[in-house]
Amino acid sequence: MRQTVMAMFVLLLFFTLETFHLIQWYDASVWALIVFSFGLIVHIYVFKRGVREHDAFLLLPAAIALWMGVFSFLLLHDGTMYVLAFTIGLFEWWLFSKEQWLETPLLVCFGCSVVASLEAGEILLFLFILTIGIGAYAYRTKSERANAL
């Protein structure tokens, strides 16, 4: 706990000095790294404890932060980035919580991600989104078959 408080204090001091221009160090990728780190830390926390169904909602903001950091590193700064990060967050939440009501928002966000990626014209992004959709469909049909038996 003491190390965490010290690290937060050092970060606050560093960014305060940067804000008042007492030190001149700034790079746009720093914020992407901070956002990515937050998402990664929450993912590690959730998976290290074991994903409990009532804690699975933490994966939504964690996935959004993680993937927003990744997409910022890849310089993907259009609207596709926001919709896709939210879709991945919903997918992780739905996958680990097994709550059926999340299927409808997930499908709507998935459709919006497909449309946004087609509009952006990036074929690799489109293939990535299709992989998420195929994975969700395969998981759902596997669960339905298991429940039918």
C-alpha atoms as a PDB file:
ATOM      1  CA  MET A   1       0.000   0.000   0.000  1.00  0.00           C
ATOM      2  CA  ARG A   2       2.821   2.354   0.875  1.00  0.00           C
ATOM      3  CA  GLN A   3       4.512   1.763  -2.492  1.00  0.00           C
ATOM      4  CA  THR A   4       1.266   2.524  -4.326  1.00  0.00           C
ATOM      5  CA  VAL A   5       0.822   5.801  -2.455  1.00  0.00           C
ATOM      6  CA  MET A   6       4.414   6.771  -3.201  1.00  0.00           C
ATOM      7  CA  ALA A   7       4.034   5.947  -6.889  1.00  0.00           C
ATOM      8  CA  MET A   8       0.827   7.987  -7.113  1.00  0.00           C
ATOM      9  CA  PHE A   9       2.507  10.897  -5.320  1.00  0.00           C
ATOM     10  CA  VAL A  10       5.469  10.829  -7.709  1.00  0.00           C
ATOM     11  CA  LEU A  11       3.140  10.725 -10.731  1.00  0.00           C
ATOM     12  CA  LEU A  12       1.074  13.617  -9.368  1.00  0.00           C
ATOM     13  CA  LEU A  13       4.200  15.638  -8.681  1.00  0.00           C
ATOM     14  CA  PHE A  14       5.598  14.879 -12.138  1.00  0.00           C
ATOM     15  CA  PHE A  15       2.437  15.906 -13.977  1.00  0.00           C
ATOM     16  CA  THR A  16       2.056  19.015 -11.800  1.00  0.00           C
ATOM     17  CA  LEU A  17       5.579  20.101 -12.710  1.00  0.00           C
ATOM     18  CA  GLU A  18       4.782  19.425 -16.365  1.00  0.00           C
ATOM     19  CA  THR A  19       1.518  21.383 -16.154  1.00  0.00           C
ATOM     20  CA  PHE A  20       3.266  24.470 -14.795  1.00  0.00           C
ATOM     21  CA  HIS A  21       6.075  24.037 -17.362  1.00  0.00           C
ATOM     22  CA  LEU A  22       8.761  23.663 -14.732  1.00  0.00           C
ATOM     23  CA  ILE A  23       9.954  20.656 -16.665  1.00  0.00           C
ATOM     24  CA  GLN A  24       9.495  20.320 -20.410  1.00  0.00           C
ATOM     25  CA  TRP A  25       8.716  16.743 -21.213  1.00  0.00           C
ATOM     26  CA  TYR A  26       5.669  15.833 -23.180  1.00  0.00           C
ATOM     27  CA  ASP A  27       4.828  13.209 -25.722  1.00  0.00           C
ATOM     28  CA  ALA A  28       1.375  12.300 -26.954  1.00  0.00           C
ATOM     29  CA  SER A  29       2.055   8.599 -26.497  1.00  0.00           C
ATOM     30  CA  VAL A  30       2.428   9.096 -22.741  1.00  0.00           C
ATOM     31  CA  TRP A  31      -1.338   9.346 -22.284  1.00  0.00           C
ATOM     32  CA  ALA A  32      -1.890   6.270 -24.405  1.00  0.00           C
ATOM     33  CA  LEU A  33       0.575   4.423 -22.181  1.00  0.00           C
ATOM     34  CA  ILE A  34      -1.191   5.571 -19.007  1.00  0.00           C
ATOM     35  CA  VAL A  35      -4.609   4.523 -20.303  1.00  0.00           C
ATOM     36  CA  PHE A  36      -3.235   1.188 -21.533  1.00  0.00           C
ATOM     37  CA  SER A  37      -1.548   0.599 -18.161  1.00  0.00           C
ATOM     38  CA  PHE A  38      -4.800   1.218 -16.297  1.00  0.00           C
ATOM     39  CA  GLY A  39      -6.638  -1.317 -18.432  1.00  0.00           C
ATOM     40  CA  LEU A  40      -3.852  -3.861 -18.093  1.00  0.00           C
ATOM     41  CA  ILE A  41      -3.685  -3.481 -14.306  1.00  0.00           C
ATOM     42  CA  VAL A  42      -7.431  -3.994 -13.912  1.00  0.00           C
ATOM     43  CA  HIS A  43      -7.326  -7.034 -16.213  1.00  0.00           C
ATOM     44  CA  ILE A  44      -4.502  -8.546 -14.173  1.00  0.00           C
ATOM     45  CA  TYR A  45      -6.414  -7.827 -10.964  1.00  0.00           C
ATOM     46  CA  VAL A  46      -9.613  -9.459 -12.212  1.00  0.00           C
ATOM     47  CA  PHE A  47      -7.971 -12.518 -13.749  1.00  0.00           C
ATOM     48  CA  LYS A  48      -5.569 -13.058 -10.850  1.00  0.00           C
ATOM     49  CA  ARG A  49      -8.458 -13.211  -8.378  1.00  0.00           C
ATOM     50  CA  GLY A  50     -10.391 -15.476 -10.685  1.00  0.00           C
ATOM     51  CA  VAL A  51     -13.204 -14.012 -12.699  1.00  0.00           C
ATOM     52  CA  ARG A  52     -16.258 -14.032 -10.506  1.00  0.00           C
ATOM     53  CA  GLU A  53     -19.586 -13.411 -12.187  1.00  0.00           C
ATOM     54  CA  HIS A  54     -20.395 -10.423  -9.971  1.00  0.00           C
ATOM     55  CA  ASP A  55     -16.961  -8.845 -10.628  1.00  0.00           C
ATOM     56  CA  ALA A  56     -17.067  -9.319 -14.391  1.00  0.00           C
ATOM     57  CA  PHE A  57     -18.470  -5.810 -14.931  1.00  0.00           C
ATOM     58  CA  LEU A  58     -14.962  -4.486 -14.152  1.00  0.00           C
ATOM     59  CA  LEU A  59     -13.867  -5.853 -17.503  1.00  0.00           C
ATOM     60  CA  LEU A  60     -15.937  -3.216 -19.357  1.00  0.00           C
ATOM     61  CA  PRO A  61     -13.912  -0.134 -18.314  1.00  0.00           C
ATOM     62  CA  ALA A  62     -10.711  -2.201 -18.243  1.00  0.00           C
ATOM     63  CA  ALA A  63     -11.172  -3.356 -21.835  1.00  0.00           C
ATOM     64  CA  ILE A  64     -12.130   0.133 -22.963  1.00  0.00           C
ATOM     65  CA  ALA A  65      -8.962   1.580 -21.399  1.00  0.00           C
ATOM     66  CA  LEU A  66      -6.750  -1.245 -22.636  1.00  0.00           C
ATOM     67  CA  TRP A  67      -7.925  -1.086 -26.223  1.00  0.00           C
ATOM     68  CA  MET A  68      -8.064   2.720 -26.336  1.00  0.00           C
ATOM     69  CA  GLY A  69      -4.384   2.690 -25.377  1.00  0.00           C
ATOM     70  CA  VAL A  70      -3.593   0.096 -28.047  1.00  0.00           C
ATOM     71  CA  PHE A  71      -5.519   1.971 -30.733  1.00  0.00           C
ATOM     72  CA  SER A  72      -3.853   5.253 -29.748  1.00  0.00           C
ATOM     73  CA  PHE A  73      -0.446   3.614 -30.158  1.00  0.00           C
ATOM     74  CA  LEU A  74      -1.558   2.440 -33.601  1.00  0.00           C
ATOM     75  CA  LEU A  75      -2.652   5.997 -34.408  1.00  0.00           C
ATOM     76  CA  LEU A  76      -6.247   4.995 -35.019  1.00  0.00           C
ATOM     77  CA  HIS A  77      -7.922   8.196 -33.863  1.00  0.00           C
ATOM     78  CA  ASP A  78     -11.235   8.141 -35.668  1.00  0.00           C
ATOM     79  CA  GLY A  79     -14.649   7.169 -34.327  1.00  0.00           C
ATOM     80  CA  THR A  80     -13.954   3.509 -34.996  1.00  0.00           C
ATOM     81  CA  MET A  81     -11.638   3.393 -32.011  1.00  0.00           C
ATOM     82  CA  TYR A  82     -14.314   4.363 -29.495  1.00  0.00           C
ATOM     83  CA  VAL A  83     -17.008   2.038 -30.762  1.00  0.00           C
ATOM     84  CA  LEU A  84     -14.654  -0.905 -31.106  1.00  0.00           C
ATOM     85  CA  ALA A  85     -13.185  -0.476 -27.606  1.00  0.00           C
ATOM     86  CA  PHE A  86     -16.684  -0.388 -26.119  1.00  0.00           C
ATOM     87  CA  THR A  87     -17.678  -3.463 -28.127  1.00  0.00           C
ATOM     88  CA  ILE A  88     -14.682  -5.418 -26.852  1.00  0.00           C
ATOM     89  CA  GLY A  89     -15.507  -4.347 -23.291  1.00  0.00           C
ATOM     90  CA  LEU A  90     -19.099  -5.524 -23.649  1.00  0.00           C
ATOM     91  CA  PHE A  91     -17.872  -8.779 -25.173  1.00  0.00           C
ATOM     92  CA  GLU A  92     -15.569  -9.495 -22.228  1.00  0.00           C
ATOM     93  CA  TRP A  93     -18.287  -8.620 -19.716  1.00  0.00           C
ATOM     94  CA  TRP A  94     -20.819 -10.855 -21.488  1.00  0.00           C
ATOM     95  CA  LEU A  95     -18.329 -13.691 -21.878  1.00  0.00           C
ATOM     96  CA  PHE A  96     -17.356 -13.874 -18.226  1.00  0.00           C
ATOM     97  CA  SER A  97     -20.623 -12.871 -16.538  1.00  0.00           C
ATOM     98  CA  LYS A  98     -22.928 -15.063 -18.642  1.00  0.00           C
ATOM     99  CA  GLU A  99     -25.704 -12.480 -18.360  1.00  0.00           C
ATOM    100  CA  GLN A 100     -28.152 -12.897 -21.216  1.00  0.00           C
ATOM    101  CA  TRP A 101     -29.378  -9.290 -21.266  1.00  0.00           C
ATOM    102  CA  LEU A 102     -25.949  -8.166 -22.553  1.00  0.00           C
ATOM    103  CA  GLU A 103     -26.445  -9.925 -25.891  1.00  0.00           C
ATOM    104  CA  THR A 104     -28.604  -7.181 -27.409  1.00  0.00           C
ATOM    105  CA  PRO A 105     -26.249  -4.257 -26.612  1.00  0.00           C
ATOM    106  CA  LEU A 106     -23.320  -6.407 -27.717  1.00  0.00           C
ATOM    107  CA  LEU A 107     -24.930  -7.130 -31.085  1.00  0.00           C
ATOM    108  CA  VAL A 108     -25.847  -3.461 -31.602  1.00  0.00           C
ATOM    109  CA  CYS A 109     -22.292  -2.322 -30.778  1.00  0.00           C
ATOM    110  CA  PHE A 110     -20.878  -5.083 -32.969  1.00  0.00           C
ATOM    111  CA  GLY A 111     -22.990  -3.861 -35.897  1.00  0.00           C
ATOM    112  CA  CYS A 112     -21.870  -0.278 -35.291  1.00  0.00           C
ATOM    113  CA  SER A 113     -18.240  -1.419 -35.189  1.00  0.00           C
ATOM    114  CA  VAL A 114     -18.601  -3.215 -38.516  1.00  0.00           C
ATOM    115  CA  VAL A 115     -20.189  -0.156 -40.146  1.00  0.00           C
ATOM    116  CA  ALA A 116     -17.549   2.190 -38.671  1.00  0.00           C
ATOM    117  CA  SER A 117     -14.666  -0.023 -39.801  1.00  0.00           C
ATOM    118  CA  LEU A 118     -16.093  -0.287 -43.312  1.00  0.00           C
ATOM    119  CA  GLU A 119     -16.446   3.481 -43.413  1.00  0.00           C
ATOM    120  CA  ALA A 120     -12.849   3.919 -42.253  1.00  0.00           C
ATOM    121  CA  GLY A 121     -11.708   1.567 -45.031  1.00  0.00           C
ATOM    122  CA  GLU A 122      -9.293  -0.428 -42.920  1.00  0.00           C
ATOM    123  CA  ILE A 123      -9.512  -4.095 -43.860  1.00  0.00           C
ATOM    124  CA  LEU A 124      -7.409  -5.404 -40.935  1.00  0.00           C
ATOM    125  CA  LEU A 125      -9.708  -3.668 -38.487  1.00  0.00           C
ATOM    126  CA  PHE A 126     -12.712  -5.189 -40.254  1.00  0.00           C
ATOM    127  CA  LEU A 127     -11.171  -8.676 -40.001  1.00  0.00           C
ATOM    128  CA  PHE A 128     -10.457  -8.117 -36.301  1.00  0.00           C
ATOM    129  CA  ILE A 129     -14.079  -7.138 -35.679  1.00  0.00           C
ATOM    130  CA  LEU A 130     -15.312 -10.175 -37.612  1.00  0.00           C
ATOM    131  CA  THR A 131     -13.098 -12.383 -35.443  1.00  0.00           C
ATOM    132  CA  ILE A 132     -14.796 -10.998 -32.338  1.00  0.00           C
ATOM    133  CA  GLY A 133     -18.219 -11.688 -33.855  1.00  0.00           C
ATOM    134  CA  ILE A 134     -17.339 -15.228 -34.895  1.00  0.00           C
ATOM    135  CA  GLY A 135     -15.930 -15.920 -31.418  1.00  0.00           C
ATOM    136  CA  ALA A 136     -19.104 -14.641 -29.760  1.00  0.00           C
ATOM    137  CA  TYR A 137     -21.280 -16.714 -32.089  1.00  0.00           C
ATOM    138  CA  ALA A 138     -19.213 -19.851 -31.486  1.00  0.00           C
ATOM    139  CA  TYR A 139     -19.335 -19.367 -27.726  1.00  0.00           C
ATOM    140  CA  ARG A 140     -23.087 -18.797 -27.784  1.00  0.00           C
ATOM    141  CA  THR A 141     -23.845 -21.875 -29.887  1.00  0.00           C
ATOM    142  CA  LYS A 142     -21.548 -23.975 -27.697  1.00  0.00           C
ATOM    143  CA  SER A 143     -23.424 -22.780 -24.597  1.00  0.00           C
ATOM    144  CA  GLU A 144     -26.801 -23.480 -26.214  1.00  0.00           C
ATOM    145  CA  ARG A 145     -25.742 -27.020 -27.122  1.00  0.00           C
ATOM    146  CA  ALA A 146     -24.486 -27.642 -23.596  1.00  0.00           C
ATOM    147  CA  ASN A 147     -27.787 -26.421 -22.132  1.00  0.00           C
ATOM    148  CA  ALA A 148     -29.819 -28.541 -24.567  1.00  0.00           C
ATOM    149  CA  LEU A 149     -28.199 -31.756 -23.374  1.00  0.00           C
END
